[in-house]
N, C-alpha and C. Protein backbone atom coordinates (compact mmCIF):
# COMPACT_ATOMS: atom_id res chain seq x y z
N MET A 1 -29.88 86.85 -0.66
CA MET A 1 -31.00 86.59 0.22
C MET A 1 -31.12 87.76 1.19
N PHE A 2 -32.35 88.16 1.46
CA PHE A 2 -32.62 89.30 2.33
C PHE A 2 -33.66 88.90 3.38
N THR A 3 -33.95 89.81 4.30
CA THR A 3 -34.92 89.53 5.35
C THR A 3 -36.14 90.45 5.31
N GLY A 4 -36.07 91.52 4.53
CA GLY A 4 -37.17 92.48 4.50
C GLY A 4 -37.15 93.47 5.65
N ILE A 5 -36.04 93.51 6.38
CA ILE A 5 -35.88 94.50 7.45
C ILE A 5 -35.00 95.62 6.87
N ILE A 6 -35.60 96.77 6.66
CA ILE A 6 -34.91 97.88 5.99
C ILE A 6 -33.83 98.44 6.90
N GLU A 7 -32.62 98.56 6.33
CA GLU A 7 -31.49 99.11 7.09
C GLU A 7 -31.53 100.62 7.17
N THR A 8 -31.81 101.23 6.02
CA THR A 8 -31.78 102.69 5.95
C THR A 8 -32.51 103.15 4.71
N LEU A 9 -32.79 104.43 4.66
CA LEU A 9 -33.35 105.04 3.47
C LEU A 9 -32.22 105.65 2.66
N GLY A 10 -32.33 105.56 1.34
CA GLY A 10 -31.39 106.21 0.45
C GLY A 10 -32.10 107.32 -0.29
N LEU A 11 -31.38 108.36 -0.64
CA LEU A 11 -31.93 109.49 -1.38
C LEU A 11 -31.38 109.42 -2.80
N VAL A 12 -32.27 109.34 -3.78
CA VAL A 12 -31.82 109.30 -5.18
C VAL A 12 -31.17 110.63 -5.50
N HIS A 13 -29.90 110.55 -5.86
CA HIS A 13 -29.08 111.73 -6.12
C HIS A 13 -29.08 112.08 -7.60
N LYS A 14 -28.96 111.04 -8.45
CA LYS A 14 -28.85 111.27 -9.88
C LYS A 14 -29.36 110.05 -10.64
N LEU A 15 -29.99 110.28 -11.79
CA LEU A 15 -30.46 109.22 -12.68
C LEU A 15 -29.84 109.46 -14.05
N ARG A 16 -29.36 108.36 -14.67
CA ARG A 16 -28.80 108.49 -16.01
C ARG A 16 -29.28 107.32 -16.86
N GLN A 17 -29.93 107.66 -17.96
CA GLN A 17 -30.43 106.66 -18.91
C GLN A 17 -29.33 106.34 -19.90
N SER A 18 -29.13 105.07 -20.18
CA SER A 18 -28.14 104.64 -21.17
C SER A 18 -28.74 103.45 -21.92
N GLU A 19 -29.18 103.71 -23.15
CA GLU A 19 -29.91 102.73 -23.94
C GLU A 19 -31.12 102.27 -23.10
N GLY A 20 -31.30 100.98 -22.85
CA GLY A 20 -32.45 100.53 -22.07
C GLY A 20 -32.21 100.49 -20.58
N ASN A 21 -31.03 100.90 -20.15
CA ASN A 21 -30.66 100.81 -18.73
C ASN A 21 -30.84 102.13 -18.01
N LEU A 22 -31.12 102.03 -16.71
CA LEU A 22 -31.18 103.21 -15.86
C LEU A 22 -30.14 103.07 -14.77
N HIS A 23 -29.20 104.02 -14.73
CA HIS A 23 -28.16 104.05 -13.70
C HIS A 23 -28.63 105.00 -12.61
N VAL A 24 -28.71 104.49 -11.38
CA VAL A 24 -29.26 105.25 -10.26
C VAL A 24 -28.16 105.47 -9.23
N THR A 25 -27.89 106.72 -8.93
CA THR A 25 -26.90 107.06 -7.90
C THR A 25 -27.64 107.49 -6.65
N ILE A 26 -27.30 106.84 -5.54
CA ILE A 26 -28.04 107.00 -4.29
C ILE A 26 -27.09 107.40 -3.17
N GLU A 27 -27.52 108.37 -2.38
CA GLU A 27 -26.78 108.79 -1.19
C GLU A 27 -27.43 108.14 0.01
N SER A 28 -26.60 107.48 0.85
CA SER A 28 -27.16 106.84 2.05
C SER A 28 -26.10 106.69 3.12
N SER A 29 -26.54 106.34 4.31
CA SER A 29 -25.62 106.16 5.43
C SER A 29 -24.78 104.89 5.29
N ILE A 30 -25.17 103.97 4.40
CA ILE A 30 -24.38 102.74 4.22
C ILE A 30 -23.56 102.74 2.93
N SER A 31 -23.73 103.76 2.09
CA SER A 31 -23.03 103.78 0.80
C SER A 31 -21.52 103.67 0.95
N SER A 32 -20.95 104.32 1.96
CA SER A 32 -19.49 104.29 2.14
C SER A 32 -18.99 102.92 2.58
N GLU A 33 -19.88 102.05 3.06
CA GLU A 33 -19.50 100.71 3.52
C GLU A 33 -19.65 99.66 2.42
N LEU A 34 -20.24 100.03 1.31
CA LEU A 34 -20.51 99.05 0.25
C LEU A 34 -19.27 98.79 -0.59
N LYS A 35 -19.32 97.71 -1.36
CA LYS A 35 -18.23 97.33 -2.26
C LYS A 35 -18.79 97.13 -3.66
N ILE A 36 -17.96 97.37 -4.65
CA ILE A 36 -18.35 97.08 -6.03
C ILE A 36 -18.72 95.61 -6.12
N ASP A 37 -19.77 95.29 -6.85
CA ASP A 37 -20.25 93.93 -7.08
C ASP A 37 -21.08 93.38 -5.92
N GLN A 38 -21.38 94.21 -4.92
CA GLN A 38 -22.19 93.77 -3.78
C GLN A 38 -23.67 93.86 -4.14
N SER A 39 -24.47 92.91 -3.64
CA SER A 39 -25.91 92.92 -3.86
C SER A 39 -26.60 93.69 -2.75
N VAL A 40 -27.46 94.62 -3.15
CA VAL A 40 -28.22 95.43 -2.20
C VAL A 40 -29.66 95.52 -2.71
N ALA A 41 -30.62 95.33 -1.83
CA ALA A 41 -32.03 95.47 -2.20
C ALA A 41 -32.41 96.94 -2.18
N HIS A 42 -32.98 97.40 -3.30
CA HIS A 42 -33.46 98.77 -3.46
C HIS A 42 -34.96 98.69 -3.70
N ASN A 43 -35.77 99.10 -2.71
CA ASN A 43 -37.22 98.90 -2.78
C ASN A 43 -37.56 97.44 -3.05
N GLY A 44 -36.74 96.54 -2.52
CA GLY A 44 -36.98 95.12 -2.67
C GLY A 44 -36.38 94.50 -3.91
N VAL A 45 -35.72 95.29 -4.74
CA VAL A 45 -35.11 94.79 -5.97
C VAL A 45 -33.62 94.59 -5.73
N CYS A 46 -33.15 93.36 -5.90
CA CYS A 46 -31.73 93.06 -5.72
C CYS A 46 -30.96 93.64 -6.90
N LEU A 47 -30.08 94.61 -6.62
CA LEU A 47 -29.27 95.25 -7.65
C LEU A 47 -27.80 95.21 -7.23
N THR A 48 -26.93 95.22 -8.22
CA THR A 48 -25.49 95.14 -7.99
C THR A 48 -24.88 96.53 -7.96
N VAL A 49 -24.06 96.79 -6.96
CA VAL A 49 -23.34 98.06 -6.88
C VAL A 49 -22.29 98.09 -7.98
N VAL A 50 -22.33 99.11 -8.83
CA VAL A 50 -21.40 99.20 -9.97
C VAL A 50 -20.42 100.34 -9.85
N ALA A 51 -20.68 101.30 -8.96
CA ALA A 51 -19.76 102.43 -8.75
C ALA A 51 -19.96 102.99 -7.36
N LEU A 52 -18.89 103.55 -6.82
CA LEU A 52 -18.92 104.14 -5.48
C LEU A 52 -18.28 105.51 -5.50
N ASP A 53 -18.77 106.39 -4.64
CA ASP A 53 -18.15 107.66 -4.37
C ASP A 53 -18.11 107.78 -2.85
N SER A 54 -17.72 108.92 -2.32
CA SER A 54 -17.54 109.02 -0.87
C SER A 54 -18.81 108.68 -0.08
N ASN A 55 -19.96 109.19 -0.48
CA ASN A 55 -21.20 108.89 0.26
C ASN A 55 -22.33 108.47 -0.66
N THR A 56 -21.99 108.02 -1.88
CA THR A 56 -23.00 107.54 -2.81
C THR A 56 -22.58 106.21 -3.42
N HIS A 57 -23.58 105.49 -3.90
CA HIS A 57 -23.31 104.28 -4.68
C HIS A 57 -24.24 104.29 -5.89
N THR A 58 -23.82 103.60 -6.93
CA THR A 58 -24.60 103.55 -8.17
C THR A 58 -24.93 102.10 -8.49
N VAL A 59 -26.18 101.89 -8.92
CA VAL A 59 -26.66 100.59 -9.36
C VAL A 59 -27.28 100.77 -10.74
N THR A 60 -27.39 99.66 -11.47
CA THR A 60 -27.99 99.70 -12.80
C THR A 60 -29.20 98.79 -12.86
N ALA A 61 -30.31 99.35 -13.34
CA ALA A 61 -31.53 98.57 -13.57
C ALA A 61 -31.71 98.43 -15.07
N ILE A 62 -31.82 97.18 -15.53
CA ILE A 62 -32.00 96.93 -16.95
C ILE A 62 -33.48 97.06 -17.33
N ALA A 63 -33.76 97.03 -18.63
CA ALA A 63 -35.13 97.21 -19.11
C ALA A 63 -36.10 96.22 -18.49
N GLU A 64 -35.68 94.96 -18.35
CA GLU A 64 -36.54 93.92 -17.75
C GLU A 64 -36.94 94.31 -16.33
N THR A 65 -35.98 94.78 -15.55
CA THR A 65 -36.24 95.21 -14.17
C THR A 65 -37.17 96.41 -14.15
N LEU A 66 -36.91 97.37 -15.02
CA LEU A 66 -37.73 98.58 -15.06
C LEU A 66 -39.17 98.26 -15.44
N SER A 67 -39.36 97.28 -16.33
CA SER A 67 -40.71 96.95 -16.79
C SER A 67 -41.54 96.28 -15.70
N LYS A 68 -40.89 95.66 -14.72
CA LYS A 68 -41.62 94.88 -13.72
C LYS A 68 -41.61 95.48 -12.32
N THR A 69 -40.99 96.64 -12.16
CA THR A 69 -40.88 97.23 -10.82
C THR A 69 -41.27 98.71 -10.85
N ASN A 70 -41.28 99.32 -9.69
CA ASN A 70 -41.57 100.75 -9.61
C ASN A 70 -40.31 101.61 -9.72
N LEU A 71 -39.17 100.99 -10.02
CA LEU A 71 -37.94 101.77 -10.16
C LEU A 71 -38.02 102.74 -11.33
N LYS A 72 -38.86 102.43 -12.31
CA LYS A 72 -39.01 103.32 -13.47
C LYS A 72 -39.59 104.67 -13.06
N ALA A 73 -40.22 104.75 -11.90
CA ALA A 73 -40.84 106.01 -11.44
C ALA A 73 -39.90 106.83 -10.57
N LEU A 74 -38.67 106.34 -10.33
CA LEU A 74 -37.73 107.10 -9.50
C LEU A 74 -37.39 108.44 -10.14
N LYS A 75 -37.15 109.41 -9.29
CA LYS A 75 -36.66 110.71 -9.74
C LYS A 75 -35.70 111.23 -8.68
N ALA A 76 -34.94 112.24 -9.02
CA ALA A 76 -34.02 112.83 -8.05
C ALA A 76 -34.85 113.28 -6.84
N GLY A 77 -34.41 112.90 -5.66
CA GLY A 77 -35.12 113.24 -4.43
C GLY A 77 -36.01 112.13 -3.90
N SER A 78 -36.24 111.07 -4.71
CA SER A 78 -37.03 109.93 -4.23
C SER A 78 -36.30 109.23 -3.10
N LEU A 79 -37.08 108.70 -2.16
CA LEU A 79 -36.52 107.87 -1.09
C LEU A 79 -36.61 106.41 -1.50
N VAL A 80 -35.54 105.65 -1.24
CA VAL A 80 -35.46 104.24 -1.60
C VAL A 80 -35.14 103.44 -0.35
N ASN A 81 -35.89 102.36 -0.11
CA ASN A 81 -35.59 101.45 1.00
C ASN A 81 -34.37 100.62 0.64
N LEU A 82 -33.40 100.54 1.55
CA LEU A 82 -32.16 99.81 1.30
C LEU A 82 -31.95 98.72 2.34
N GLU A 83 -31.50 97.56 1.86
CA GLU A 83 -31.12 96.46 2.74
C GLU A 83 -29.97 95.69 2.10
N ARG A 84 -28.88 95.53 2.86
CA ARG A 84 -27.79 94.67 2.39
C ARG A 84 -28.20 93.21 2.58
N CYS A 85 -27.53 92.33 1.85
CA CYS A 85 -27.90 90.91 1.92
C CYS A 85 -27.68 90.37 3.34
N MET A 86 -28.43 89.31 3.62
CA MET A 86 -28.42 88.68 4.93
C MET A 86 -27.09 87.96 5.17
N GLN A 87 -26.58 88.05 6.38
CA GLN A 87 -25.41 87.27 6.77
C GLN A 87 -25.90 85.95 7.34
N LEU A 88 -25.22 84.87 7.02
CA LEU A 88 -25.68 83.55 7.47
C LEU A 88 -25.61 83.36 8.97
N ASN A 89 -24.85 84.20 9.66
CA ASN A 89 -24.77 84.08 11.11
C ASN A 89 -25.68 85.08 11.83
N GLY A 90 -26.60 85.72 11.06
CA GLY A 90 -27.48 86.71 11.64
C GLY A 90 -28.87 86.16 11.90
N ARG A 91 -29.69 86.99 12.52
CA ARG A 91 -31.07 86.63 12.80
C ARG A 91 -31.94 86.92 11.58
N LEU A 92 -32.92 86.08 11.37
CA LEU A 92 -33.90 86.30 10.31
C LEU A 92 -35.11 86.99 10.95
N ASP A 93 -35.02 88.32 11.09
CA ASP A 93 -36.06 89.07 11.80
C ASP A 93 -37.32 89.25 10.98
N GLY A 94 -37.22 89.24 9.66
CA GLY A 94 -38.41 89.39 8.81
C GLY A 94 -38.83 88.02 8.31
N HIS A 95 -38.68 87.81 7.01
CA HIS A 95 -38.92 86.50 6.42
C HIS A 95 -37.95 86.33 5.25
N ILE A 96 -37.90 85.16 4.65
CA ILE A 96 -36.96 84.92 3.55
C ILE A 96 -37.41 85.70 2.33
N VAL A 97 -36.55 86.61 1.90
CA VAL A 97 -36.82 87.48 0.76
C VAL A 97 -35.69 87.31 -0.24
N GLN A 98 -36.03 87.11 -1.50
CA GLN A 98 -35.01 86.89 -2.52
C GLN A 98 -34.53 88.16 -3.20
N GLY A 99 -35.31 89.22 -3.13
CA GLY A 99 -34.95 90.43 -3.87
C GLY A 99 -35.38 90.35 -5.32
N HIS A 100 -36.31 89.42 -5.62
CA HIS A 100 -36.85 89.24 -6.97
C HIS A 100 -38.31 89.67 -6.95
N VAL A 101 -38.59 90.85 -7.41
CA VAL A 101 -39.95 91.39 -7.38
C VAL A 101 -40.84 90.58 -8.32
N ASP A 102 -41.99 90.15 -7.82
CA ASP A 102 -42.94 89.38 -8.62
C ASP A 102 -43.80 90.28 -9.50
N GLN A 103 -44.21 91.41 -8.96
CA GLN A 103 -45.05 92.33 -9.70
C GLN A 103 -45.22 93.59 -8.88
N THR A 104 -45.87 94.58 -9.49
CA THR A 104 -46.20 95.79 -8.75
C THR A 104 -47.66 95.73 -8.33
N ALA A 105 -48.02 96.60 -7.40
CA ALA A 105 -49.40 96.74 -6.96
C ALA A 105 -49.68 98.22 -6.78
N GLU A 106 -50.94 98.58 -6.89
CA GLU A 106 -51.33 99.97 -6.70
C GLU A 106 -51.88 100.16 -5.30
N CYS A 107 -51.43 101.20 -4.65
CA CYS A 107 -52.01 101.58 -3.37
C CYS A 107 -53.41 102.13 -3.66
N VAL A 108 -54.44 101.50 -3.12
CA VAL A 108 -55.81 101.93 -3.39
C VAL A 108 -56.48 102.56 -2.18
N ASP A 109 -55.85 102.45 -1.02
CA ASP A 109 -56.44 103.06 0.17
C ASP A 109 -55.36 103.23 1.24
N LEU A 110 -55.49 104.30 1.98
CA LEU A 110 -54.58 104.60 3.09
C LEU A 110 -55.42 105.21 4.20
N LYS A 111 -55.39 104.57 5.37
CA LYS A 111 -56.14 105.06 6.52
C LYS A 111 -55.19 105.25 7.69
N GLU A 112 -55.34 106.37 8.38
CA GLU A 112 -54.57 106.59 9.60
C GLU A 112 -55.44 106.17 10.77
N HIS A 113 -54.86 105.38 11.69
CA HIS A 113 -55.61 104.84 12.82
C HIS A 113 -54.97 105.27 14.14
N ASP A 114 -55.00 106.55 14.45
CA ASP A 114 -54.54 107.03 15.75
C ASP A 114 -53.17 106.45 16.13
N GLY A 115 -52.18 106.71 15.29
CA GLY A 115 -50.82 106.28 15.60
C GLY A 115 -50.33 105.12 14.76
N SER A 116 -51.17 104.58 13.90
CA SER A 116 -50.72 103.56 12.96
C SER A 116 -51.38 103.83 11.62
N TRP A 117 -50.95 103.11 10.59
CA TRP A 117 -51.47 103.32 9.25
C TRP A 117 -51.85 101.99 8.64
N GLU A 118 -52.94 101.98 7.87
CA GLU A 118 -53.34 100.79 7.14
C GLU A 118 -53.34 101.10 5.65
N TYR A 119 -52.50 100.36 4.92
CA TYR A 119 -52.41 100.51 3.47
C TYR A 119 -53.11 99.33 2.82
N THR A 120 -53.85 99.59 1.75
CA THR A 120 -54.45 98.53 0.96
C THR A 120 -53.87 98.59 -0.45
N PHE A 121 -53.42 97.43 -0.94
CA PHE A 121 -52.80 97.33 -2.25
C PHE A 121 -53.59 96.37 -3.13
N LYS A 122 -53.79 96.74 -4.38
CA LYS A 122 -54.49 95.90 -5.36
C LYS A 122 -53.47 95.43 -6.40
N TYR A 123 -53.54 94.13 -6.73
CA TYR A 123 -52.59 93.57 -7.69
C TYR A 123 -53.30 92.71 -8.72
N ASP A 124 -52.62 92.48 -9.83
CA ASP A 124 -53.14 91.69 -10.95
C ASP A 124 -53.02 90.21 -10.59
N THR A 125 -54.16 89.51 -10.53
CA THR A 125 -54.16 88.11 -10.13
C THR A 125 -53.83 87.16 -11.28
N THR A 126 -53.75 87.66 -12.51
CA THR A 126 -53.48 86.77 -13.65
C THR A 126 -52.07 86.20 -13.60
N LEU A 127 -51.20 86.75 -12.76
CA LEU A 127 -49.84 86.24 -12.64
C LEU A 127 -49.75 85.07 -11.66
N GLY A 128 -50.87 84.75 -11.01
CA GLY A 128 -50.92 83.57 -10.14
C GLY A 128 -50.44 83.77 -8.72
N ASN A 129 -50.17 84.99 -8.32
CA ASN A 129 -49.69 85.25 -6.96
C ASN A 129 -50.87 85.38 -6.00
N VAL A 130 -50.66 84.95 -4.77
CA VAL A 130 -51.70 85.00 -3.75
C VAL A 130 -51.13 85.46 -2.42
N THR A 131 -52.01 85.98 -1.59
CA THR A 131 -51.65 86.28 -0.20
C THR A 131 -52.56 85.45 0.69
N VAL A 132 -52.14 85.27 1.92
CA VAL A 132 -52.97 84.59 2.92
C VAL A 132 -52.99 85.44 4.18
N GLU A 133 -54.10 85.37 4.89
CA GLU A 133 -54.26 86.11 6.14
C GLU A 133 -53.13 85.75 7.10
N LYS A 134 -52.48 86.76 7.63
CA LYS A 134 -51.36 86.64 8.58
C LYS A 134 -50.10 86.05 7.94
N GLY A 135 -50.08 85.95 6.62
CA GLY A 135 -48.89 85.49 5.92
C GLY A 135 -47.95 86.66 5.69
N SER A 136 -46.79 86.36 5.13
CA SER A 136 -45.78 87.39 4.86
C SER A 136 -45.87 87.88 3.42
N VAL A 137 -45.56 89.15 3.23
CA VAL A 137 -45.44 89.74 1.91
C VAL A 137 -44.37 90.83 2.02
N CYS A 138 -43.68 91.06 0.93
CA CYS A 138 -42.64 92.08 0.90
C CYS A 138 -43.15 93.23 0.04
N VAL A 139 -43.29 94.42 0.62
CA VAL A 139 -43.76 95.61 -0.07
C VAL A 139 -42.63 96.63 -0.10
N ASN A 140 -42.15 96.96 -1.31
CA ASN A 140 -41.00 97.87 -1.44
C ASN A 140 -39.82 97.40 -0.59
N GLY A 141 -39.68 96.07 -0.48
CA GLY A 141 -38.56 95.50 0.27
C GLY A 141 -38.80 95.33 1.74
N ILE A 142 -39.99 95.70 2.23
CA ILE A 142 -40.30 95.65 3.66
C ILE A 142 -41.08 94.37 3.96
N SER A 143 -40.59 93.57 4.89
CA SER A 143 -41.30 92.38 5.33
C SER A 143 -42.49 92.80 6.17
N LEU A 144 -43.70 92.44 5.69
CA LEU A 144 -44.93 92.85 6.38
C LEU A 144 -45.88 91.66 6.51
N THR A 145 -46.81 91.78 7.45
CA THR A 145 -47.82 90.75 7.68
C THR A 145 -49.11 91.17 6.99
N VAL A 146 -49.70 90.25 6.23
CA VAL A 146 -50.93 90.50 5.49
C VAL A 146 -52.12 90.51 6.44
N ILE A 147 -52.97 91.51 6.28
CA ILE A 147 -54.28 91.51 6.94
C ILE A 147 -55.32 91.72 5.84
N ASN A 148 -56.52 91.27 6.07
CA ASN A 148 -57.61 91.44 5.12
C ASN A 148 -57.23 90.94 3.72
N SER A 149 -56.76 89.71 3.64
CA SER A 149 -56.39 89.11 2.36
C SER A 149 -57.64 88.81 1.54
N GLN A 150 -57.67 89.35 0.32
CA GLN A 150 -58.77 89.10 -0.61
C GLN A 150 -58.17 88.60 -1.92
N THR A 151 -59.03 88.29 -2.89
CA THR A 151 -58.57 87.71 -4.15
C THR A 151 -57.55 88.57 -4.86
N ASP A 152 -57.77 89.88 -4.94
CA ASP A 152 -56.90 90.75 -5.72
C ASP A 152 -56.33 91.91 -4.92
N ARG A 153 -56.43 91.83 -3.61
CA ARG A 153 -55.92 92.92 -2.77
C ARG A 153 -55.65 92.42 -1.36
N PHE A 154 -54.90 93.19 -0.64
CA PHE A 154 -54.61 92.89 0.76
C PHE A 154 -54.26 94.20 1.45
N SER A 155 -54.26 94.16 2.76
CA SER A 155 -53.86 95.33 3.55
C SER A 155 -52.70 94.95 4.46
N VAL A 156 -52.00 95.97 4.90
CA VAL A 156 -50.93 95.81 5.90
C VAL A 156 -51.08 96.94 6.91
N ALA A 157 -50.77 96.65 8.16
CA ALA A 157 -50.81 97.66 9.22
C ALA A 157 -49.38 98.07 9.54
N ILE A 158 -49.16 99.36 9.62
CA ILE A 158 -47.81 99.91 9.77
C ILE A 158 -47.68 100.64 11.11
N ILE A 159 -46.66 100.25 11.87
CA ILE A 159 -46.38 100.94 13.14
C ILE A 159 -45.57 102.21 12.86
N PRO A 160 -45.55 103.16 13.81
CA PRO A 160 -44.83 104.41 13.58
C PRO A 160 -43.36 104.22 13.19
N TYR A 161 -42.65 103.27 13.81
CA TYR A 161 -41.23 103.08 13.49
C TYR A 161 -41.05 102.74 12.01
N THR A 162 -41.86 101.81 11.50
CA THR A 162 -41.76 101.42 10.09
C THR A 162 -42.13 102.60 9.19
N TYR A 163 -43.16 103.33 9.55
CA TYR A 163 -43.59 104.49 8.76
C TYR A 163 -42.46 105.51 8.66
N GLU A 164 -41.81 105.78 9.77
CA GLU A 164 -40.78 106.83 9.82
C GLU A 164 -39.46 106.39 9.18
N HIS A 165 -39.18 105.09 9.14
CA HIS A 165 -37.88 104.61 8.67
C HIS A 165 -37.92 103.92 7.30
N THR A 166 -39.04 104.03 6.60
CA THR A 166 -39.14 103.47 5.24
C THR A 166 -39.81 104.49 4.33
N ASN A 167 -39.82 104.18 3.03
CA ASN A 167 -40.45 105.12 2.11
C ASN A 167 -41.97 104.98 2.03
N LEU A 168 -42.57 104.16 2.90
CA LEU A 168 -44.03 104.13 2.96
C LEU A 168 -44.59 105.50 3.32
N GLN A 169 -43.79 106.32 3.99
CA GLN A 169 -44.23 107.66 4.34
C GLN A 169 -44.56 108.50 3.11
N GLN A 170 -44.03 108.10 1.94
CA GLN A 170 -44.30 108.84 0.71
C GLN A 170 -45.36 108.16 -0.16
N VAL A 171 -45.78 106.94 0.18
CA VAL A 171 -46.73 106.20 -0.65
C VAL A 171 -48.15 106.69 -0.36
N LYS A 172 -48.87 106.99 -1.44
CA LYS A 172 -50.25 107.45 -1.32
C LYS A 172 -51.10 106.72 -2.36
N PRO A 173 -52.42 106.75 -2.22
CA PRO A 173 -53.27 106.08 -3.21
C PRO A 173 -52.91 106.51 -4.64
N GLY A 174 -52.83 105.50 -5.51
CA GLY A 174 -52.44 105.73 -6.90
C GLY A 174 -50.99 105.39 -7.18
N ASP A 175 -50.16 105.31 -6.14
CA ASP A 175 -48.74 104.99 -6.31
C ASP A 175 -48.55 103.48 -6.48
N LEU A 176 -47.50 103.11 -7.20
CA LEU A 176 -47.14 101.70 -7.37
C LEU A 176 -46.08 101.31 -6.37
N VAL A 177 -46.20 100.10 -5.84
CA VAL A 177 -45.19 99.52 -4.95
C VAL A 177 -44.74 98.19 -5.54
N ASN A 178 -43.56 97.76 -5.16
CA ASN A 178 -43.05 96.45 -5.57
C ASN A 178 -43.53 95.39 -4.60
N LEU A 179 -43.93 94.24 -5.15
CA LEU A 179 -44.36 93.11 -4.32
C LEU A 179 -43.47 91.91 -4.59
N GLU A 180 -43.03 91.27 -3.51
CA GLU A 180 -42.46 89.93 -3.60
C GLU A 180 -43.28 89.07 -2.65
N PHE A 181 -43.95 88.08 -3.22
CA PHE A 181 -44.78 87.20 -2.44
C PHE A 181 -43.92 86.16 -1.74
N ASP A 182 -44.44 85.60 -0.67
CA ASP A 182 -43.71 84.63 0.15
C ASP A 182 -43.23 83.45 -0.69
N ILE A 183 -41.95 83.13 -0.63
CA ILE A 183 -41.36 82.07 -1.45
C ILE A 183 -41.97 80.71 -1.16
N ILE A 184 -42.25 80.42 0.09
CA ILE A 184 -42.86 79.13 0.43
C ILE A 184 -44.27 79.06 -0.15
N GLY A 185 -45.03 80.14 -0.03
CA GLY A 185 -46.37 80.20 -0.60
C GLY A 185 -46.35 80.04 -2.11
N LYS A 186 -45.33 80.60 -2.77
CA LYS A 186 -45.25 80.48 -4.23
C LYS A 186 -45.01 79.04 -4.65
N TYR A 187 -44.13 78.34 -3.93
CA TYR A 187 -43.88 76.93 -4.26
C TYR A 187 -45.11 76.07 -4.00
N VAL A 188 -45.79 76.31 -2.89
CA VAL A 188 -47.00 75.54 -2.58
C VAL A 188 -48.06 75.79 -3.65
N ALA A 189 -48.27 77.05 -4.02
CA ALA A 189 -49.27 77.37 -5.04
C ALA A 189 -48.94 76.69 -6.37
N ARG A 190 -47.67 76.66 -6.72
CA ARG A 190 -47.27 76.03 -7.99
C ARG A 190 -47.51 74.52 -7.96
N LEU A 191 -47.19 73.90 -6.83
CA LEU A 191 -47.41 72.46 -6.71
C LEU A 191 -48.90 72.12 -6.74
N VAL A 192 -49.72 72.92 -6.09
CA VAL A 192 -51.17 72.68 -6.06
C VAL A 192 -51.76 72.84 -7.46
N ASN A 193 -51.24 73.80 -8.22
CA ASN A 193 -51.77 74.07 -9.57
C ASN A 193 -51.30 73.06 -10.62
N ARG A 194 -50.37 72.17 -10.29
CA ARG A 194 -49.88 71.20 -11.27
C ARG A 194 -50.91 70.21 -11.55
């Protein structure tokens, strides 16, 4: 379980393909504190640490994960949003995030507003996911508030701190981001559709 509050950025150091799997080695300020078998969200995708070095950690994404997330687009030098799992005695500063990406979305617009940024993302509605105005959504692992919720798209407003401390600084129109929709909203939508 995660909160969508990004701890740090990781720098993709090395990628290695092995059959259908992608092994990603990442350098970060928290890599030296991690343990083998620990769950860490990478751009919102819960992955297991499988190897450690002095300042790097390695995770493996299987074909299923690669087909449903933007991890397939990683390359050496990419920035990855990182968050360790939530501690039960901690504050829930974002919202309840499972680390299970529902789908990707395309950034279709980016506007700078004198010190803040507004991103608009378009997603495939055939998967049954929805957003609501002022509801929560997780974009690349970041807990954000939805503005301008429409049938197949929504926007989010980004403050300078979030822009500077997440990989949104590299997202531009045409790029894919990972989406995890609000878990409570998903259950309500499923019950209503029964």
